[in-house]
All heavy atoms as atom14 arrays in JSON, in Angstrom:
{
  "sequence": "CIVTEADFVAAQIVSAQNRPADGRNRTYLLVGLLRCGICGRSMQSH",
  "atom14_mask": [
    [1, 1, 1, 1, 1, 1, 0, 0, 0, 0, 0, 0, 0, 0],
    [1, 1, 1, 1, 1, 1, 1, 1, 0, 0, 0, 0, 0, 0],
    [1, 1, 1, 1, 1, 1, 1, 0, 0, 0, 0, 0, 0, 0],
    [1, 1, 1, 1, 1, 1, 1, 0, 0, 0, 0, 0, 0, 0],
    [1, 1, 1, 1, 1, 1, 1, 1, 1, 0, 0, 0, 0, 0],
    [1, 1, 1, 1, 1, 0, 0, 0, 0, 0, 0, 0, 0, 0],
    [1, 1, 1, 1, 1, 1, 1, 1, 0, 0, 0, 0, 0, 0],
    [1, 1, 1, 1, 1, 1, 1, 1, 1, 1, 1, 0, 0, 0],
    [1, 1, 1, 1, 1, 1, 1, 0, 0, 0, 0, 0, 0, 0],
    [1, 1, 1, 1, 1, 0, 0, 0, 0, 0, 0, 0, 0, 0],
    [1, 1, 1, 1, 1, 0, 0, 0, 0, 0, 0, 0, 0, 0],
    [1, 1, 1, 1, 1, 1, 1, 1, 1, 0, 0, 0, 0, 0],
    [1, 1, 1, 1, 1, 1, 1, 1, 0, 0, 0, 0, 0, 0],
    [1, 1, 1, 1, 1, 1, 1, 0, 0, 0, 0, 0, 0, 0],
    [1, 1, 1, 1, 1, 1, 0, 0, 0, 0, 0, 0, 0, 0],
    [1, 1, 1, 1, 1, 0, 0, 0, 0, 0, 0, 0, 0, 0],
    [1, 1, 1, 1, 1, 1, 1, 1, 1, 0, 0, 0, 0, 0],
    [1, 1, 1, 1, 1, 1, 1, 1, 0, 0, 0, 0, 0, 0],
    [1, 1, 1, 1, 1, 1, 1, 1, 1, 1, 1, 0, 0, 0],
    [1, 1, 1, 1, 1, 1, 1, 0, 0, 0, 0, 0, 0, 0],
    [1, 1, 1, 1, 1, 0, 0, 0, 0, 0, 0, 0, 0, 0],
    [1, 1, 1, 1, 1, 1, 1, 1, 0, 0, 0, 0, 0, 0],
    [1, 1, 1, 1, 0, 0, 0, 0, 0, 0, 0, 0, 0, 0],
    [1, 1, 1, 1, 1, 1, 1, 1, 1, 1, 1, 0, 0, 0],
    [1, 1, 1, 1, 1, 1, 1, 1, 0, 0, 0, 0, 0, 0],
    [1, 1, 1, 1, 1, 1, 1, 1, 1, 1, 1, 0, 0, 0],
    [1, 1, 1, 1, 1, 1, 1, 0, 0, 0, 0, 0, 0, 0],
    [1, 1, 1, 1, 1, 1, 1, 1, 1, 1, 1, 1, 0, 0],
    [1, 1, 1, 1, 1, 1, 1, 1, 0, 0, 0, 0, 0, 0],
    [1, 1, 1, 1, 1, 1, 1, 1, 0, 0, 0, 0, 0, 0],
    [1, 1, 1, 1, 1, 1, 1, 0, 0, 0, 0, 0, 0, 0],
    [1, 1, 1, 1, 0, 0, 0, 0, 0, 0, 0, 0, 0, 0],
    [1, 1, 1, 1, 1, 1, 1, 1, 0, 0, 0, 0, 0, 0],
    [1, 1, 1, 1, 1, 1, 1, 1, 0, 0, 0, 0, 0, 0],
    [1, 1, 1, 1, 1, 1, 1, 1, 1, 1, 1, 0, 0, 0],
    [1, 1, 1, 1, 1, 1, 0, 0, 0, 0, 0, 0, 0, 0],
    [1, 1, 1, 1, 0, 0, 0, 0, 0, 0, 0, 0, 0, 0],
    [1, 1, 1, 1, 1, 1, 1, 1, 0, 0, 0, 0, 0, 0],
    [1, 1, 1, 1, 1, 1, 0, 0, 0, 0, 0, 0, 0, 0],
    [1, 1, 1, 1, 0, 0, 0, 0, 0, 0, 0, 0, 0, 0],
    [1, 1, 1, 1, 1, 1, 1, 1, 1, 1, 1, 0, 0, 0],
    [1, 1, 1, 1, 1, 1, 0, 0, 0, 0, 0, 0, 0, 0],
    [1, 1, 1, 1, 1, 1, 1, 1, 0, 0, 0, 0, 0, 0],
    [1, 1, 1, 1, 1, 1, 1, 1, 1, 0, 0, 0, 0, 0],
    [1, 1, 1, 1, 1, 1, 0, 0, 0, 0, 0, 0, 0, 0],
    [1, 1, 1, 1, 1, 1, 1, 1, 1, 1, 0, 0, 0, 0]
  ],
  "atom14_positions": [
    [[-156.76, 50.28, 46.83], [-155.85, 49.74, 45.81], [-154.84, 50.8, 45.37], [-155.08, 52.0, 45.47], [-156.64, 49.23, 44.61], [-157.41, 50.52, 43.62], [0.0, 0.0, 0.0], [0.0, 0.0, 0.0], [0.0, 0.0, 0.0], [0.0, 0.0, 0.0], [0.0, 0.0, 0.0], [0.0, 0.0, 0.0], [0.0, 0.0, 0.0], [0.0, 0.0, 0.0]],
    [[-153.71, 50.33, 44.88], [-152.7, 51.21, 44.28], [-152.73, 51.08, 42.77], [-152.51, 52.05, 42.05], [-151.3, 50.87, 44.83], [-151.24, 51.19, 46.34], [-150.22, 51.66, 44.1], [-149.89, 50.89, 46.98], [0.0, 0.0, 0.0], [0.0, 0.0, 0.0], [0.0, 0.0, 0.0], [0.0, 0.0, 0.0], [0.0, 0.0, 0.0], [0.0, 0.0, 0.0]],
    [[-153.03, 49.88, 42.27], [-153.24, 49.66, 40.83], [-154.56, 48.91, 40.67], [-155.0, 48.2, 41.57], [-152.09, 48.85, 40.2], [-150.78, 49.6, 40.32], [-151.97, 47.48, 40.84], [0.0, 0.0, 0.0], [0.0, 0.0, 0.0], [0.0, 0.0, 0.0], [0.0, 0.0, 0.0], [0.0, 0.0, 0.0], [0.0, 0.0, 0.0], [0.0, 0.0, 0.0]],
    [[-155.16, 49.07, 39.52], [-156.42, 48.39, 39.26], [-156.16, 46.92, 38.95], [-155.04, 46.53, 38.58], [-157.17, 49.03, 38.08], [-156.39, 48.84, 36.88], [-157.38, 50.51, 38.32], [0.0, 0.0, 0.0], [0.0, 0.0, 0.0], [0.0, 0.0, 0.0], [0.0, 0.0, 0.0], [0.0, 0.0, 0.0], [0.0, 0.0, 0.0], [0.0, 0.0, 0.0]],
    [[-157.2, 46.1, 39.11], [-157.04, 44.69, 38.81], [-156.71, 44.48, 37.33], [-155.93, 43.59, 36.98], [-158.33, 43.93, 39.18], [-158.61, 43.91, 40.68], [-159.81, 43.05, 41.03], [-160.25, 42.26, 40.16], [-160.31, 43.16, 42.17], [0.0, 0.0, 0.0], [0.0, 0.0, 0.0], [0.0, 0.0, 0.0], [0.0, 0.0, 0.0], [0.0, 0.0, 0.0]],
    [[-157.3, 45.29, 36.46], [-157.04, 45.16, 35.03], [-155.57, 45.46, 34.71], [-154.93, 44.75, 33.93], [-157.96, 46.09, 34.24], [0.0, 0.0, 0.0], [0.0, 0.0, 0.0], [0.0, 0.0, 0.0], [0.0, 0.0, 0.0], [0.0, 0.0, 0.0], [0.0, 0.0, 0.0], [0.0, 0.0, 0.0], [0.0, 0.0, 0.0], [0.0, 0.0, 0.0]],
    [[-155.02, 46.52, 35.34], [-153.61, 46.85, 35.1], [-152.69, 45.79, 35.67], [-151.64, 45.47, 35.07], [-153.28, 48.21, 35.71], [-153.85, 49.37, 34.9], [-154.25, 49.12, 33.74], [-153.9, 50.49, 35.43], [0.0, 0.0, 0.0], [0.0, 0.0, 0.0], [0.0, 0.0, 0.0], [0.0, 0.0, 0.0], [0.0, 0.0, 0.0], [0.0, 0.0, 0.0]],
    [[-153.05, 45.22, 36.82], [-152.2, 44.18, 37.41], [-152.13, 42.96, 36.5], [-151.05, 42.44, 36.23], [-152.74, 43.77, 38.78], [-152.0, 42.62, 39.4], [-150.79, 42.81, 40.06], [-152.49, 41.32, 39.29], [-150.1, 41.75, 40.61], [-151.82, 40.25, 39.84], [-150.61, 40.47, 40.5], [0.0, 0.0, 0.0], [0.0, 0.0, 0.0], [0.0, 0.0, 0.0]],
    [[-153.3, 42.52, 36.01], [-153.32, 41.35, 35.13], [-152.57, 41.64, 33.83], [-151.83, 40.8, 33.32], [-154.78, 40.94, 34.84], [-154.83, 39.82, 33.8], [-155.46, 40.49, 36.13], [0.0, 0.0, 0.0], [0.0, 0.0, 0.0], [0.0, 0.0, 0.0], [0.0, 0.0, 0.0], [0.0, 0.0, 0.0], [0.0, 0.0, 0.0], [0.0, 0.0, 0.0]],
    [[-152.74, 42.86, 33.31], [-152.04, 43.22, 32.07], [-150.53, 43.21, 32.27], [-149.78, 42.81, 31.37], [-152.52, 44.6, 31.59], [0.0, 0.0, 0.0], [0.0, 0.0, 0.0], [0.0, 0.0, 0.0], [0.0, 0.0, 0.0], [0.0, 0.0, 0.0], [0.0, 0.0, 0.0], [0.0, 0.0, 0.0], [0.0, 0.0, 0.0], [0.0, 0.0, 0.0]],
    [[-150.07, 43.65, 33.45], [-148.63, 43.68, 33.72], [-148.04, 42.28, 33.79], [-146.85, 42.1, 33.54], [-148.37, 44.43, 35.02], [0.0, 0.0, 0.0], [0.0, 0.0, 0.0], [0.0, 0.0, 0.0], [0.0, 0.0, 0.0], [0.0, 0.0, 0.0], [0.0, 0.0, 0.0], [0.0, 0.0, 0.0], [0.0, 0.0, 0.0], [0.0, 0.0, 0.0]],
    [[-148.87, 41.29, 34.12], [-148.35, 39.92, 34.24], [-148.05, 39.3, 32.88], [-147.26, 38.35, 32.8], [-149.35, 39.04, 34.99], [-149.81, 39.58, 36.32], [-148.65, 40.04, 37.2], [-147.75, 39.26, 37.52], [-148.69, 41.3, 37.6], [0.0, 0.0, 0.0], [0.0, 0.0, 0.0], [0.0, 0.0, 0.0], [0.0, 0.0, 0.0], [0.0, 0.0, 0.0]],
    [[-148.69, 39.82, 31.83], [-148.5, 39.21, 30.52], [-147.62, 40.06, 29.62], [-147.42, 39.73, 28.45], [-149.86, 38.97, 29.83], [-150.63, 40.29, 29.68], [-150.68, 37.97, 30.63], [-151.96, 40.12, 28.96], [0.0, 0.0, 0.0], [0.0, 0.0, 0.0], [0.0, 0.0, 0.0], [0.0, 0.0, 0.0], [0.0, 0.0, 0.0], [0.0, 0.0, 0.0]],
    [[-147.07, 41.16, 30.15], [-146.18, 41.99, 29.36], [-144.86, 41.25, 29.17], [-144.31, 40.68, 30.11], [-145.93, 43.35, 30.04], [-144.8, 44.1, 29.35], [-147.19, 44.18, 30.01], [0.0, 0.0, 0.0], [0.0, 0.0, 0.0], [0.0, 0.0, 0.0], [0.0, 0.0, 0.0], [0.0, 0.0, 0.0], [0.0, 0.0, 0.0], [0.0, 0.0, 0.0]],
    [[-144.36, 41.26, 27.98], [-143.06, 40.68, 27.68], [-142.16, 41.76, 27.11], [-142.52, 42.45, 26.15], [-143.19, 39.53, 26.67], [-141.92, 39.06, 26.29], [0.0, 0.0, 0.0], [0.0, 0.0, 0.0], [0.0, 0.0, 0.0], [0.0, 0.0, 0.0], [0.0, 0.0, 0.0], [0.0, 0.0, 0.0], [0.0, 0.0, 0.0], [0.0, 0.0, 0.0]],
    [[-141.01, 41.92, 27.71], [-140.06, 42.93, 27.24], [-139.0, 42.31, 26.35], [-137.96, 42.9, 26.1], [-139.4, 43.62, 28.43], [0.0, 0.0, 0.0], [0.0, 0.0, 0.0], [0.0, 0.0, 0.0], [0.0, 0.0, 0.0], [0.0, 0.0, 0.0], [0.0, 0.0, 0.0], [0.0, 0.0, 0.0], [0.0, 0.0, 0.0], [0.0, 0.0, 0.0]],
    [[-139.23, 41.11, 25.86], [-138.25, 40.42, 25.03], [-138.09, 41.15, 23.7], [-139.06, 41.43, 23.0], [-138.69, 38.98, 24.79], [-137.7, 38.18, 23.96], [-138.15, 36.75, 23.78], [-139.23, 36.38, 24.23], [-137.34, 35.95, 23.11], [0.0, 0.0, 0.0], [0.0, 0.0, 0.0], [0.0, 0.0, 0.0], [0.0, 0.0, 0.0], [0.0, 0.0, 0.0]],
    [[-136.88, 41.48, 23.39], [-136.61, 42.18, 22.13], [-136.7, 41.21, 20.95], [-136.25, 40.08, 21.02], [-135.21, 42.79, 22.17], [-135.12, 43.92, 23.18], [-136.09, 44.64, 23.38], [-133.97, 44.07, 23.8], [0.0, 0.0, 0.0], [0.0, 0.0, 0.0], [0.0, 0.0, 0.0], [0.0, 0.0, 0.0], [0.0, 0.0, 0.0], [0.0, 0.0, 0.0]],
    [[-137.29, 41.67, 19.88], [-137.36, 40.89, 18.65], [-136.69, 41.69, 17.54], [-136.69, 42.92, 17.56], [-138.82, 40.6, 18.27], [-139.57, 39.78, 19.31], [-140.97, 39.48, 18.82], [-140.96, 38.66, 17.64], [-140.89, 37.31, 17.66], [-140.81, 36.69, 18.82], [-140.9, 36.61, 16.54], [0.0, 0.0, 0.0], [0.0, 0.0, 0.0], [0.0, 0.0, 0.0]],
    [[-136.08, 41.01, 16.6], [-135.45, 41.73, 15.49], [-136.44, 42.64, 14.78], [-137.65, 42.39, 14.79], [-134.97, 40.6, 14.57], [-134.87, 39.4, 15.45], [-135.95, 39.56, 16.48], [0.0, 0.0, 0.0], [0.0, 0.0, 0.0], [0.0, 0.0, 0.0], [0.0, 0.0, 0.0], [0.0, 0.0, 0.0], [0.0, 0.0, 0.0], [0.0, 0.0, 0.0]],
    [[-135.93, 43.7, 14.18], [-136.8, 44.67, 13.51], [-137.61, 44.03, 12.39], [-138.74, 44.44, 12.1], [-135.96, 45.82, 12.98], [0.0, 0.0, 0.0], [0.0, 0.0, 0.0], [0.0, 0.0, 0.0], [0.0, 0.0, 0.0], [0.0, 0.0, 0.0], [0.0, 0.0, 0.0], [0.0, 0.0, 0.0], [0.0, 0.0, 0.0], [0.0, 0.0, 0.0]],
    [[-137.03, 43.02, 11.75], [-137.75, 42.37, 10.65], [-138.74, 41.34, 11.14], [-139.47, 40.74, 10.34], [-136.77, 41.73, 9.67], [-135.82, 40.76, 10.36], [-136.1, 40.4, 11.53], [-134.8, 40.38, 9.76], [0.0, 0.0, 0.0], [0.0, 0.0, 0.0], [0.0, 0.0, 0.0], [0.0, 0.0, 0.0], [0.0, 0.0, 0.0], [0.0, 0.0, 0.0]],
    [[-138.77, 41.08, 12.49], [-139.74, 40.17, 13.07], [-139.41, 38.71, 12.9], [-140.21, 37.85, 13.31], [0.0, 0.0, 0.0], [0.0, 0.0, 0.0], [0.0, 0.0, 0.0], [0.0, 0.0, 0.0], [0.0, 0.0, 0.0], [0.0, 0.0, 0.0], [0.0, 0.0, 0.0], [0.0, 0.0, 0.0], [0.0, 0.0, 0.0], [0.0, 0.0, 0.0]],
    [[-138.26, 38.37, 12.32], [-137.93, 36.96, 12.08], [-137.28, 36.33, 13.31], [-136.57, 37.01, 14.06], [-136.99, 36.84, 10.89], [-137.6, 37.26, 9.56], [-136.62, 37.01, 8.43], [-135.35, 37.71, 8.67], [-134.23, 37.49, 7.97], [-134.24, 36.59, 7.01], [-133.15, 38.19, 8.23], [0.0, 0.0, 0.0], [0.0, 0.0, 0.0], [0.0, 0.0, 0.0]],
    [[-137.5, 35.05, 13.51], [-136.8, 34.29, 14.55], [-135.46, 33.84, 14.01], [-135.34, 33.47, 12.84], [-137.62, 33.08, 14.98], [-138.87, 33.48, 15.74], [-138.88, 34.47, 16.45], [-139.94, 32.71, 15.55], [0.0, 0.0, 0.0], [0.0, 0.0, 0.0], [0.0, 0.0, 0.0], [0.0, 0.0, 0.0], [0.0, 0.0, 0.0], [0.0, 0.0, 0.0]],
    [[-134.45, 33.86, 14.87], [-133.11, 33.48, 14.44], [-132.66, 32.22, 15.19], [-133.02, 32.02, 16.34], [-132.12, 34.62, 14.67], [-132.28, 35.75, 13.66], [-131.3, 36.87, 13.9], [-131.29, 37.81, 12.8], [-132.2, 38.76, 12.6], [-133.18, 38.89, 13.47], [-132.14, 39.56, 11.56], [0.0, 0.0, 0.0], [0.0, 0.0, 0.0], [0.0, 0.0, 0.0]],
    [[-131.86, 31.44, 14.53], [-131.32, 30.22, 15.12], [-129.83, 30.4, 15.37], [-129.09, 30.83, 14.47], [-131.54, 29.02, 14.18], [-132.94, 28.86, 13.95], [-130.98, 27.74, 14.79], [0.0, 0.0, 0.0], [0.0, 0.0, 0.0], [0.0, 0.0, 0.0], [0.0, 0.0, 0.0], [0.0, 0.0, 0.0], [0.0, 0.0, 0.0], [0.0, 0.0, 0.0]],
    [[-129.4, 30.09, 16.58], [-128.0, 30.2, 16.95], [-127.43, 28.79, 17.07], [-127.8, 28.01, 17.97], [-127.85, 30.96, 18.27], [-128.32, 32.41, 18.17], [-129.66, 32.73, 18.4], [-127.44, 33.42, 17.82], [-130.1, 34.04, 18.3], [-127.87, 34.73, 17.73], [-129.2, 35.04, 17.96], [-129.64, 36.33, 17.85], [0.0, 0.0, 0.0], [0.0, 0.0, 0.0]],
    [[-126.53, 28.46, 16.17], [-126.05, 27.09, 16.05], [-125.19, 26.63, 17.22], [-125.07, 25.44, 17.49], [-125.26, 26.93, 14.74], [-126.05, 27.23, 13.47], [-125.14, 27.08, 12.24], [-127.25, 26.31, 13.35], [0.0, 0.0, 0.0], [0.0, 0.0, 0.0], [0.0, 0.0, 0.0], [0.0, 0.0, 0.0], [0.0, 0.0, 0.0], [0.0, 0.0, 0.0]],
    [[-124.56, 27.55, 17.92], [-123.6, 27.18, 18.97], [-124.19, 27.32, 20.38], [-123.44, 27.3, 21.35], [-122.34, 28.04, 18.85], [-121.59, 27.9, 17.52], [-120.36, 28.79, 17.5], [-121.2, 26.45, 17.28], [0.0, 0.0, 0.0], [0.0, 0.0, 0.0], [0.0, 0.0, 0.0], [0.0, 0.0, 0.0], [0.0, 0.0, 0.0], [0.0, 0.0, 0.0]],
    [[-125.49, 27.49, 20.46], [-126.12, 27.6, 21.79], [-125.88, 26.31, 22.58], [-126.11, 25.2, 22.09], [-127.64, 27.85, 21.65], [-128.32, 27.72, 23.0], [-127.89, 29.22, 21.07], [0.0, 0.0, 0.0], [0.0, 0.0, 0.0], [0.0, 0.0, 0.0], [0.0, 0.0, 0.0], [0.0, 0.0, 0.0], [0.0, 0.0, 0.0], [0.0, 0.0, 0.0]],
    [[-125.38, 26.44, 23.8], [-125.12, 25.3, 24.67], [-123.76, 24.67, 24.46], [-123.36, 23.8, 25.24], [0.0, 0.0, 0.0], [0.0, 0.0, 0.0], [0.0, 0.0, 0.0], [0.0, 0.0, 0.0], [0.0, 0.0, 0.0], [0.0, 0.0, 0.0], [0.0, 0.0, 0.0], [0.0, 0.0, 0.0], [0.0, 0.0, 0.0], [0.0, 0.0, 0.0]],
    [[-123.03, 25.1, 23.4], [-121.71, 24.53, 23.13], [-120.57, 25.4, 23.63], [-119.49, 24.89, 23.93], [-121.54, 24.29, 21.63], [-122.53, 23.29, 20.99], [-122.28, 23.21, 19.48], [-122.37, 21.92, 21.63], [0.0, 0.0, 0.0], [0.0, 0.0, 0.0], [0.0, 0.0, 0.0], [0.0, 0.0, 0.0], [0.0, 0.0, 0.0], [0.0, 0.0, 0.0]],
    [[-120.79, 26.69, 23.7], [-119.73, 27.61, 24.09], [-119.8, 27.94, 25.58], [-120.87, 28.18, 26.12], [-119.83, 28.91, 23.28], [-119.81, 28.75, 21.76], [-119.83, 30.11, 21.08], [-118.58, 27.96, 21.31], [0.0, 0.0, 0.0], [0.0, 0.0, 0.0], [0.0, 0.0, 0.0], [0.0, 0.0, 0.0], [0.0, 0.0, 0.0], [0.0, 0.0, 0.0]],
    [[-118.62, 27.96, 26.2], [-118.52, 28.31, 27.62], [-117.47, 29.39, 27.81], [-116.47, 29.44, 27.08], [-118.19, 27.09, 28.47], [-119.32, 26.07, 28.52], [-119.03, 24.95, 29.5], [-120.14, 24.01, 29.58], [-121.2, 24.16, 30.36], [-121.29, 25.22, 31.14], [-122.16, 23.26, 30.36], [0.0, 0.0, 0.0], [0.0, 0.0, 0.0], [0.0, 0.0, 0.0]],
    [[-117.7, 30.2, 28.81], [-116.77, 31.28, 29.13], [-115.45, 30.69, 29.62], [-115.43, 29.81, 30.49], [-117.37, 32.2, 30.18], [-116.24, 33.5, 30.76], [0.0, 0.0, 0.0], [0.0, 0.0, 0.0], [0.0, 0.0, 0.0], [0.0, 0.0, 0.0], [0.0, 0.0, 0.0], [0.0, 0.0, 0.0], [0.0, 0.0, 0.0], [0.0, 0.0, 0.0]],
    [[-114.35, 31.19, 29.09], [-113.04, 30.7, 29.51], [-112.62, 31.19, 30.87], [-111.64, 30.69, 31.43], [0.0, 0.0, 0.0], [0.0, 0.0, 0.0], [0.0, 0.0, 0.0], [0.0, 0.0, 0.0], [0.0, 0.0, 0.0], [0.0, 0.0, 0.0], [0.0, 0.0, 0.0], [0.0, 0.0, 0.0], [0.0, 0.0, 0.0], [0.0, 0.0, 0.0]],
    [[-113.37, 32.15, 31.46], [-113.03, 32.68, 32.78], [-113.83, 32.01, 33.87], [-113.28, 31.49, 34.85], [-113.26, 34.21, 32.81], [-112.34, 34.89, 31.8], [-113.02, 34.77, 34.22], [-112.55, 36.38, 31.68], [0.0, 0.0, 0.0], [0.0, 0.0, 0.0], [0.0, 0.0, 0.0], [0.0, 0.0, 0.0], [0.0, 0.0, 0.0], [0.0, 0.0, 0.0]],
    [[-115.16, 31.97, 33.71], [-116.0, 31.42, 34.77], [-116.56, 30.03, 34.44], [-117.09, 29.36, 35.32], [-117.16, 32.36, 35.09], [-118.36, 32.51, 33.75], [0.0, 0.0, 0.0], [0.0, 0.0, 0.0], [0.0, 0.0, 0.0], [0.0, 0.0, 0.0], [0.0, 0.0, 0.0], [0.0, 0.0, 0.0], [0.0, 0.0, 0.0], [0.0, 0.0, 0.0]],
    [[-116.45, 29.59, 33.19], [-116.9, 28.26, 32.83], [-118.38, 28.14, 32.56], [-118.86, 27.04, 32.26], [0.0, 0.0, 0.0], [0.0, 0.0, 0.0], [0.0, 0.0, 0.0], [0.0, 0.0, 0.0], [0.0, 0.0, 0.0], [0.0, 0.0, 0.0], [0.0, 0.0, 0.0], [0.0, 0.0, 0.0], [0.0, 0.0, 0.0], [0.0, 0.0, 0.0]],
    [[-119.14, 29.23, 32.67], [-120.57, 29.15, 32.45], [-120.91, 29.24, 30.96], [-120.11, 29.73, 30.16], [-121.28, 30.28, 33.21], [-121.27, 30.08, 34.72], [-121.81, 31.32, 35.43], [-122.01, 31.06, 36.84], [-121.05, 31.11, 37.76], [-119.81, 31.4, 37.38], [-121.31, 30.86, 39.03], [0.0, 0.0, 0.0], [0.0, 0.0, 0.0], [0.0, 0.0, 0.0]],
    [[-122.11, 28.76, 30.61], [-122.54, 28.8, 29.22], [-122.68, 30.24, 28.75], [-123.15, 31.12, 29.49], [-123.89, 28.08, 29.06], [-123.75, 26.7, 29.34], [0.0, 0.0, 0.0], [0.0, 0.0, 0.0], [0.0, 0.0, 0.0], [0.0, 0.0, 0.0], [0.0, 0.0, 0.0], [0.0, 0.0, 0.0], [0.0, 0.0, 0.0], [0.0, 0.0, 0.0]],
    [[-122.29, 30.47, 27.51], [-122.42, 31.8, 26.94], [-123.8, 31.94, 26.31], [-124.38, 30.98, 25.79], [-121.33, 32.04, 25.9], [-119.92, 31.95, 26.49], [-118.62, 32.27, 25.29], [-118.8, 34.04, 25.03], [0.0, 0.0, 0.0], [0.0, 0.0, 0.0], [0.0, 0.0, 0.0], [0.0, 0.0, 0.0], [0.0, 0.0, 0.0], [0.0, 0.0, 0.0]],
    [[-124.35, 33.15, 26.39], [-125.67, 33.43, 25.87], [-125.58, 33.93, 24.44], [-124.64, 34.62, 24.05], [-126.38, 34.47, 26.74], [-126.62, 34.03, 28.17], [-127.31, 35.12, 28.97], [-127.57, 36.21, 28.47], [-127.61, 34.82, 30.22], [0.0, 0.0, 0.0], [0.0, 0.0, 0.0], [0.0, 0.0, 0.0], [0.0, 0.0, 0.0], [0.0, 0.0, 0.0]],
    [[-126.6, 33.58, 23.67], [-126.65, 34.05, 22.28], [-127.4, 35.38, 22.23], [-128.32, 35.62, 23.01], [-127.35, 33.01, 21.41], [-128.67, 32.78, 21.91], [0.0, 0.0, 0.0], [0.0, 0.0, 0.0], [0.0, 0.0, 0.0], [0.0, 0.0, 0.0], [0.0, 0.0, 0.0], [0.0, 0.0, 0.0], [0.0, 0.0, 0.0], [0.0, 0.0, 0.0]],
    [[-127.0, 36.25, 21.32], [-127.7, 37.53, 21.11], [-127.31, 38.07, 19.75], [-126.4, 37.55, 19.07], [-127.37, 38.53, 22.22], [-125.98, 39.07, 22.15], [-125.7, 40.43, 22.09], [-124.78, 38.45, 22.13], [-124.39, 40.61, 22.06], [-123.81, 39.44, 22.08], [0.0, 0.0, 0.0], [0.0, 0.0, 0.0], [0.0, 0.0, 0.0], [0.0, 0.0, 0.0]]
  ]
}
């Protein structure tokens, strides 16, 4: 083996999603409504 089974399973559940420092969830009112004027794709909220 190169990694242990425990480390492999642990790596599958790691989430690198950033959360605000205060830990609160935020709502973005314009999600899905705004599109890029250059490529036409939906713009992402952040």
